[in-house]
Amino acid sequence: MCGKISYCKAKLGPFAEFLMVPSERIHSMDIPEPIGHFYYHSRVQDVEDQVEKVDGHYRSQAKIQLAVLKSLIKS
């Protein structure tokens, strides 16, 4: 990594906007298992794991929004 803070904004309709940061930036809280490597096309290096890799802005945004909607339905 280059050491710069990176983030992703995901807009969910006109009412909600989420800001996501890479999990390596979060040190003091329990976080759930990852559901995907989003914006994988802009990666610095390949990741060898079983987590889904999602390329492209629109596909990444769609997957993020779907995950948020699913979590809201489960609640």
PDB file of N, CA and C in Angstrom:
ATOM      1  N   MET A   1       0.829  -1.188   0.000  1.00  0.00           N
ATOM      2  CA  MET A   1       0.000   0.000   0.000  1.00  0.00           C
ATOM      3  C   MET A   1       0.869   1.246   0.000  1.00  0.00           C
ATOM      4  N   CYS A   2       0.264   2.320  -0.440  1.00  0.00           N
ATOM      5  CA  CYS A   2       1.000   3.571  -0.508  1.00  0.00           C
ATOM      6  C   CYS A   2       0.980   4.329   0.811  1.00  0.00           C
ATOM      7  N   GLY A   3       0.184   3.877   1.787  1.00  0.00           N
ATOM      8  CA  GLY A   3       0.126   4.558   3.070  1.00  0.00           C
ATOM      9  C   GLY A   3      -0.908   5.662   3.141  1.00  0.00           C
ATOM     10  N   LYS A   4      -1.579   5.956   2.033  1.00  0.00           N
ATOM     11  CA  LYS A   4      -2.615   6.985   2.029  1.00  0.00           C
ATOM     12  C   LYS A   4      -3.950   6.357   2.449  1.00  0.00           C
ATOM     13  N   ILE A   5      -4.760   7.128   3.111  1.00  0.00           N
ATOM     14  CA  ILE A   5      -6.084   6.648   3.501  1.00  0.00           C
ATOM     15  C   ILE A   5      -6.939   6.522   2.256  1.00  0.00           C
ATOM     16  N   SER A   6      -7.580   5.370   2.085  1.00  0.00           N
ATOM     17  CA  SER A   6      -8.500   5.181   0.976  1.00  0.00           C
ATOM     18  C   SER A   6      -9.866   4.858   1.549  1.00  0.00           C
ATOM     19  N   TYR A   7     -10.889   5.162   0.789  1.00  0.00           N
ATOM     20  CA  TYR A   7     -12.239   4.933   1.260  1.00  0.00           C
ATOM     21  C   TYR A   7     -13.174   4.729   0.077  1.00  0.00           C
ATOM     22  N   CYS A   8     -14.393   4.329   0.387  1.00  0.00           N
ATOM     23  CA  CYS A   8     -15.414   4.130  -0.624  1.00  0.00           C
ATOM     24  C   CYS A   8     -16.712   4.726  -0.104  1.00  0.00           C
ATOM     25  N   LYS A   9     -17.366   5.525  -0.915  1.00  0.00           N
ATOM     26  CA  LYS A   9     -18.695   6.011  -0.576  1.00  0.00           C
ATOM     27  C   LYS A   9     -19.702   5.191  -1.361  1.00  0.00           C
ATOM     28  N   ALA A  10     -20.711   4.685  -0.680  1.00  0.00           N
ATOM     29  CA  ALA A  10     -21.782   3.941  -1.342  1.00  0.00           C
ATOM     30  C   ALA A  10     -23.090   4.635  -1.030  1.00  0.00           C
ATOM     31  N   LYS A  11     -23.778   5.058  -2.052  1.00  0.00           N
ATOM     32  CA  LYS A  11     -25.048   5.734  -1.872  1.00  0.00           C
ATOM     33  C   LYS A  11     -26.161   4.720  -2.052  1.00  0.00           C
ATOM     34  N   LEU A  12     -27.099   4.708  -1.122  1.00  0.00           N
ATOM     35  CA  LEU A  12     -28.214   3.784  -1.175  1.00  0.00           C
ATOM     36  C   LEU A  12     -29.478   4.623  -1.338  1.00  0.00           C
ATOM     37  N   GLY A  13     -29.784   4.930  -2.577  1.00  0.00           N
ATOM     38  CA  GLY A  13     -30.941   5.784  -2.846  1.00  0.00           C
ATOM     39  C   GLY A  13     -30.698   7.195  -2.347  1.00  0.00           C
ATOM     40  N   PRO A  14     -31.758   7.973  -2.223  1.00  0.00           N
ATOM     41  CA  PRO A  14     -31.577   9.369  -1.790  1.00  0.00           C
ATOM     42  C   PRO A  14     -31.450   9.530  -0.282  1.00  0.00           C
ATOM     43  N   PHE A  15     -31.585   8.438   0.477  1.00  0.00           N
ATOM     44  CA  PHE A  15     -31.690   8.569   1.928  1.00  0.00           C
ATOM     45  C   PHE A  15     -30.443   8.173   2.707  1.00  0.00           C
ATOM     46  N   ALA A  16     -29.641   7.292   2.185  1.00  0.00           N
ATOM     47  CA  ALA A  16     -28.516   6.785   2.974  1.00  0.00           C
ATOM     48  C   ALA A  16     -27.231   6.802   2.164  1.00  0.00           C
ATOM     49  N   GLU A  17     -26.164   7.160   2.830  1.00  0.00           N
ATOM     50  CA  GLU A  17     -24.846   7.124   2.224  1.00  0.00           C
ATOM     51  C   GLU A  17     -23.896   6.500   3.244  1.00  0.00           C
ATOM     52  N   PHE A  18     -23.097   5.544   2.803  1.00  0.00           N
ATOM     53  CA  PHE A  18     -22.186   4.835   3.681  1.00  0.00           C
ATOM     54  C   PHE A  18     -20.761   5.153   3.284  1.00  0.00           C
ATOM     55  N   LEU A  19     -19.912   5.260   4.265  1.00  0.00           N
ATOM     56  CA  LEU A  19     -18.491   5.471   4.035  1.00  0.00           C
ATOM     57  C   LEU A  19     -17.777   4.244   4.572  1.00  0.00           C
ATOM     58  N   MET A  20     -16.993   3.602   3.728  1.00  0.00           N
ATOM     59  CA  MET A  20     -16.272   2.399   4.129  1.00  0.00           C
ATOM     60  C   MET A  20     -14.776   2.640   4.029  1.00  0.00           C
ATOM     61  N   VAL A  21     -14.056   2.093   4.992  1.00  0.00           N
ATOM     62  CA  VAL A  21     -12.596   2.193   4.986  1.00  0.00           C
ATOM     63  C   VAL A  21     -12.024   0.783   4.992  1.00  0.00           C
ATOM     64  N   PRO A  22     -10.809   0.591   4.499  1.00  0.00           N
ATOM     65  CA  PRO A  22     -10.193  -0.735   4.531  1.00  0.00           C
ATOM     66  C   PRO A  22     -10.076  -1.248   5.966  1.00  0.00           C
ATOM     67  N   SER A  23     -10.299  -2.540   6.171  1.00  0.00           N
ATOM     68  CA  SER A  23     -10.296  -3.107   7.514  1.00  0.00           C
ATOM     69  C   SER A  23      -8.947  -2.977   8.208  1.00  0.00           C
ATOM     70  N   GLU A  24      -7.864  -2.858   7.470  1.00  0.00           N
ATOM     71  CA  GLU A  24      -6.564  -2.712   8.129  1.00  0.00           C
ATOM     72  C   GLU A  24      -6.441  -1.371   8.841  1.00  0.00           C
ATOM     73  N   ARG A  25      -7.351  -0.450   8.563  1.00  0.00           N
ATOM     74  CA  ARG A  25      -7.343   0.853   9.237  1.00  0.00           C
ATOM     75  C   ARG A  25      -8.130   0.813  10.552  1.00  0.00           C
ATOM     76  N   ILE A  26      -8.847  -0.275  10.817  1.00  0.00           N
ATOM     77  CA  ILE A  26      -9.659  -0.387  12.026  1.00  0.00           C
ATOM     78  C   ILE A  26      -8.941  -1.328  12.988  1.00  0.00           C
ATOM     79  N   HIS A  27      -8.527  -0.805  14.131  1.00  0.00           N
ATOM     80  CA  HIS A  27      -7.723  -1.597  15.053  1.00  0.00           C
ATOM     81  C   HIS A  27      -8.419  -1.891  16.381  1.00  0.00           C
ATOM     82  N   SER A  28      -9.391  -1.097  16.773  1.00  0.00           N
ATOM     83  CA  SER A  28      -9.893  -1.197  18.137  1.00  0.00           C
ATOM     84  C   SER A  28     -11.316  -1.747  18.243  1.00  0.00           C
ATOM     85  N   MET A  29     -11.792  -2.470  17.233  1.00  0.00           N
ATOM     86  CA  MET A  29     -13.133  -3.016  17.335  1.00  0.00           C
ATOM     87  C   MET A  29     -13.235  -4.337  16.589  1.00  0.00           C
ATOM     88  N   ASP A  30     -14.191  -5.142  16.993  1.00  0.00           N
ATOM     89  CA  ASP A  30     -14.439  -6.394  16.284  1.00  0.00           C
ATOM     90  C   ASP A  30     -15.168  -6.082  14.992  1.00  0.00           C
ATOM     91  N   ILE A  31     -14.699  -6.664  13.912  1.00  0.00           N
ATOM     92  CA  ILE A  31     -15.358  -6.447  12.631  1.00  0.00           C
ATOM     93  C   ILE A  31     -15.767  -7.802  12.051  1.00  0.00           C
ATOM     94  N   PRO A  32     -16.841  -7.828  11.278  1.00  0.00           N
ATOM     95  CA  PRO A  32     -17.275  -9.099  10.684  1.00  0.00           C
ATOM     96  C   PRO A  32     -16.318  -9.560   9.591  1.00  0.00           C
ATOM     97  N   GLU A  33     -16.476 -10.809   9.204  1.00  0.00           N
ATOM     98  CA  GLU A  33     -15.675 -11.343   8.100  1.00  0.00           C
ATOM     99  C   GLU A  33     -15.986 -10.561   6.821  1.00  0.00           C
ATOM    100  N   PRO A  34     -15.022 -10.383   5.940  1.00  0.00           N
ATOM    101  CA  PRO A  34     -15.265  -9.643   4.695  1.00  0.00           C
ATOM    102  C   PRO A  34     -16.198 -10.411   3.763  1.00  0.00           C
ATOM    103  N   ILE A  35     -16.986  -9.669   3.005  1.00  0.00           N
ATOM    104  CA  ILE A  35     -17.881 -10.299   2.023  1.00  0.00           C
ATOM    105  C   ILE A  35     -17.343 -10.147   0.612  1.00  0.00           C
ATOM    106  N   GLY A  36     -16.304  -9.338   0.429  1.00  0.00           N
ATOM    107  CA  GLY A  36     -15.739  -9.176  -0.896  1.00  0.00           C
ATOM    108  C   GLY A  36     -14.559  -8.223  -0.899  1.00  0.00           C
ATOM    109  N   HIS A  37     -13.754  -8.351  -1.943  1.00  0.00           N
ATOM    110  CA  HIS A  37     -12.691  -7.383  -2.219  1.00  0.00           C
ATOM    111  C   HIS A  37     -13.261  -6.483  -3.313  1.00  0.00           C
ATOM    112  N   PHE A  38     -13.744  -5.307  -2.930  1.00  0.00           N
ATOM    113  CA  PHE A  38     -14.383  -4.402  -3.867  1.00  0.00           C
ATOM    114  C   PHE A  38     -13.338  -3.528  -4.558  1.00  0.00           C
ATOM    115  N   TYR A  39     -13.670  -3.063  -5.741  1.00  0.00           N
ATOM    116  CA  TYR A  39     -12.747  -2.260  -6.555  1.00  0.00           C
ATOM    117  C   TYR A  39     -11.439  -3.026  -6.773  1.00  0.00           C
ATOM    118  N   TYR A  40     -11.563  -4.320  -6.993  1.00  0.00           N
ATOM    119  CA  TYR A  40     -10.389  -5.186  -7.109  1.00  0.00           C
ATOM    120  C   TYR A  40      -9.512  -4.802  -8.301  1.00  0.00           C
ATOM    121  N   HIS A  41     -10.086  -4.161  -9.298  1.00  0.00           N
ATOM    122  CA  HIS A  41      -9.314  -3.739 -10.475  1.00  0.00           C
ATOM    123  C   HIS A  41      -8.236  -2.713 -10.121  1.00  0.00           C
ATOM    124  N   SER A  42      -8.408  -2.021  -8.997  1.00  0.00           N
ATOM    125  CA  SER A  42      -7.422  -0.998  -8.621  1.00  0.00           C
ATOM    126  C   SER A  42      -6.474  -1.487  -7.525  1.00  0.00           C
ATOM    127  N   ARG A  43      -6.406  -2.799  -7.334  1.00  0.00           N
ATOM    128  CA  ARG A  43      -5.554  -3.374  -6.290  1.00  0.00           C
ATOM    129  C   ARG A  43      -4.075  -3.077  -6.532  1.00  0.00           C
ATOM    130  N   VAL A  44      -3.336  -3.054  -5.445  1.00  0.00           N
ATOM    131  CA  VAL A  44      -1.891  -2.877  -5.512  1.00  0.00           C
ATOM    132  C   VAL A  44      -1.226  -4.220  -5.776  1.00  0.00           C
ATOM    133  N   GLN A  45      -1.795  -5.285  -5.177  1.00  0.00           N
ATOM    134  CA  GLN A  45      -1.273  -6.631  -5.392  1.00  0.00           C
ATOM    135  C   GLN A  45      -2.429  -7.620  -5.322  1.00  0.00           C
ATOM    136  N   ASP A  46      -2.227  -8.793  -5.896  1.00  0.00           N
ATOM    137  CA  ASP A  46      -3.249  -9.830  -5.853  1.00  0.00           C
ATOM    138  C   ASP A  46      -3.437 -10.331  -4.426  1.00  0.00           C
ATOM    139  N   VAL A  47      -4.654 -10.783  -4.134  1.00  0.00           N
ATOM    140  CA  VAL A  47      -4.972 -11.358  -2.829  1.00  0.00           C
ATOM    141  C   VAL A  47      -5.365 -12.806  -3.061  1.00  0.00           C
ATOM    142  N   GLU A  48      -4.696 -13.696  -2.375  1.00  0.00           N
ATOM    143  CA  GLU A  48      -4.965 -15.126  -2.518  1.00  0.00           C
ATOM    144  C   GLU A  48      -5.824 -15.596  -1.355  1.00  0.00           C
ATOM    145  N   ASP A  49      -7.135 -15.535  -1.515  1.00  0.00           N
ATOM    146  CA  ASP A  49      -8.059 -16.061  -0.514  1.00  0.00           C
ATOM    147  C   ASP A  49      -9.357 -16.451  -1.217  1.00  0.00           C
ATOM    148  N   GLN A  50     -10.319 -16.917  -0.435  1.00  0.00           N
ATOM    149  CA  GLN A  50     -11.581 -17.396  -0.999  1.00  0.00           C
ATOM    150  C   GLN A  50     -12.654 -16.311  -1.043  1.00  0.00           C
ATOM    151  N   VAL A  51     -12.321 -15.078  -0.677  1.00  0.00           N
ATOM    152  CA  VAL A  51     -13.279 -13.978  -0.687  1.00  0.00           C
ATOM    153  C   VAL A  51     -13.474 -13.504  -2.127  1.00  0.00           C
ATOM    154  N   GLU A  52     -14.744 -13.236  -2.486  1.00  0.00           N
ATOM    155  CA  GLU A  52     -15.072 -12.818  -3.852  1.00  0.00           C
ATOM    156  C   GLU A  52     -14.337 -11.525  -4.225  1.00  0.00           C
ATOM    157  N   LYS A  53     -13.817 -11.488  -5.438  1.00  0.00           N
ATOM    158  CA  LYS A  53     -13.161 -10.300  -5.960  1.00  0.00           C
ATOM    159  C   LYS A  53     -14.124  -9.621  -6.928  1.00  0.00           C
ATOM    160  N   VAL A  54     -14.379  -8.322  -6.727  1.00  0.00           N
ATOM    161  CA  VAL A  54     -15.350  -7.593  -7.539  1.00  0.00           C
ATOM    162  C   VAL A  54     -14.634  -6.466  -8.264  1.00  0.00           C
ATOM    163  N   ASP A  55     -14.644  -6.506  -9.583  1.00  0.00           N
ATOM    164  CA  ASP A  55     -14.002  -5.476 -10.400  1.00  0.00           C
ATOM    165  C   ASP A  55     -15.008  -4.392 -10.774  1.00  0.00           C
ATOM    166  N   GLY A  56     -14.520  -3.189 -10.940  1.00  0.00           N
ATOM    167  CA  GLY A  56     -15.312  -2.098 -11.486  1.00  0.00           C
ATOM    168  C   GLY A  56     -16.122  -1.337 -10.452  1.00  0.00           C
ATOM    169  N   HIS A  57     -16.331  -0.065 -10.734  1.00  0.00           N
ATOM    170  CA  HIS A  57     -17.061   0.818  -9.826  1.00  0.00           C
ATOM    171  C   HIS A  57     -18.518   0.386  -9.673  1.00  0.00           C
ATOM    172  N   TYR A  58     -19.223   0.203 -10.776  1.00  0.00           N
ATOM    173  CA  TYR A  58     -20.656  -0.083 -10.699  1.00  0.00           C
ATOM    174  C   TYR A  58     -20.936  -1.458 -10.103  1.00  0.00           C
ATOM    175  N   ARG A  59     -20.146  -2.461 -10.443  1.00  0.00           N
ATOM    176  CA  ARG A  59     -20.329  -3.789  -9.846  1.00  0.00           C
ATOM    177  C   ARG A  59     -20.020  -3.745  -8.354  1.00  0.00           C
ATOM    178  N   SER A  60     -18.980  -3.017  -7.966  1.00  0.00           N
ATOM    179  CA  SER A  60     -18.642  -2.902  -6.548  1.00  0.00           C
ATOM    180  C   SER A  60     -19.764  -2.194  -5.784  1.00  0.00           C
ATOM    181  N   GLN A  61     -20.258  -1.086  -6.331  1.00  0.00           N
ATOM    182  CA  GLN A  61     -21.355  -0.360  -5.684  1.00  0.00           C
ATOM    183  C   GLN A  61     -22.598  -1.237  -5.558  1.00  0.00           C
ATOM    184  N   ALA A  62     -22.930  -1.986  -6.610  1.00  0.00           N
ATOM    185  CA  ALA A  62     -24.108  -2.849  -6.584  1.00  0.00           C
ATOM    186  C   ALA A  62     -23.970  -3.940  -5.520  1.00  0.00           C
ATOM    187  N   LYS A  63     -22.804  -4.554  -5.424  1.00  0.00           N
ATOM    188  CA  LYS A  63     -22.580  -5.612  -4.427  1.00  0.00           C
ATOM    189  C   LYS A  63     -22.657  -5.049  -3.010  1.00  0.00           C
ATOM    190  N   ILE A  64     -22.112  -3.873  -2.802  1.00  0.00           N
ATOM    191  CA  ILE A  64     -22.153  -3.235  -1.488  1.00  0.00           C
ATOM    192  C   ILE A  64     -23.596  -2.914  -1.106  1.00  0.00           C
ATOM    193  N   GLN A  65     -24.343  -2.331  -2.030  1.00  0.00           N
ATOM    194  CA  GLN A  65     -25.732  -1.974  -1.741  1.00  0.00           C
ATOM    195  C   GLN A  65     -26.579  -3.211  -1.477  1.00  0.00           C
ATOM    196  N   LEU A  66     -26.353  -4.267  -2.222  1.00  0.00           N
ATOM    197  CA  LEU A  66     -27.086  -5.512  -2.006  1.00  0.00           C
ATOM    198  C   LEU A  66     -26.778  -6.081  -0.616  1.00  0.00           C
ATOM    199  N   ALA A  67     -25.522  -6.034  -0.214  1.00  0.00           N
ATOM    200  CA  ALA A  67     -25.142  -6.532   1.111  1.00  0.00           C
ATOM    201  C   ALA A  67     -25.808  -5.709   2.215  1.00  0.00           C
ATOM    202  N   VAL A  68     -25.870  -4.400   2.035  1.00  0.00           N
ATOM    203  CA  VAL A  68     -26.527  -3.545   3.023  1.00  0.00           C
ATOM    204  C   VAL A  68     -28.013  -3.866   3.098  1.00  0.00           C
ATOM    205  N   LEU A  69     -28.656  -3.990   1.953  1.00  0.00           N
ATOM    206  CA  LEU A  69     -30.084  -4.319   1.934  1.00  0.00           C
ATOM    207  C   LEU A  69     -30.360  -5.665   2.595  1.00  0.00           C
ATOM    208  N   LYS A  70     -29.536  -6.661   2.305  1.00  0.00           N
ATOM    209  CA  LYS A  70     -29.697  -7.976   2.923  1.00  0.00           C
ATOM    210  C   LYS A  70     -29.560  -7.891   4.440  1.00  0.00           C
ATOM    211  N   SER A  71     -28.611  -7.109   4.911  1.00  0.00           N
ATOM    212  CA  SER A  71     -28.417  -6.997   6.361  1.00  0.00           C
ATOM    213  C   SER A  71     -29.595  -6.278   7.007  1.00  0.00           C
ATOM    214  N   LEU A  72     -30.192  -5.329   6.312  1.00  0.00           N
ATOM    215  CA  LEU A  72     -31.358  -4.627   6.867  1.00  0.00           C
ATOM    216  C   LEU A  72     -32.570  -5.537   6.930  1.00  0.00           C
ATOM    217  N   ILE A  73     -32.713  -6.402   5.954  1.00  0.00           N
ATOM    218  CA  ILE A  73     -33.836  -7.345   5.929  1.00  0.00           C
ATOM    219  C   ILE A  73     -33.701  -8.376   7.039  1.00  0.00           C
ATOM    220  N   LYS A  74     -32.476  -8.819   7.318  1.00  0.00           N
ATOM    221  CA  LYS A  74     -32.234  -9.813   8.379  1.00  0.00           C
ATOM    222  C   LYS A  74     -32.532  -9.258   9.761  1.00  0.00           C
ATOM    223  N   SER A  75     -32.353  -7.955   9.931  1.00  0.00           N
ATOM    224  CA  SER A  75     -32.510  -7.333  11.262  1.00  0.00           C
ATOM    225  C   SER A  75     -33.930  -7.342  11.741  1.00  0.00           C
TER     226      SER A  75
END
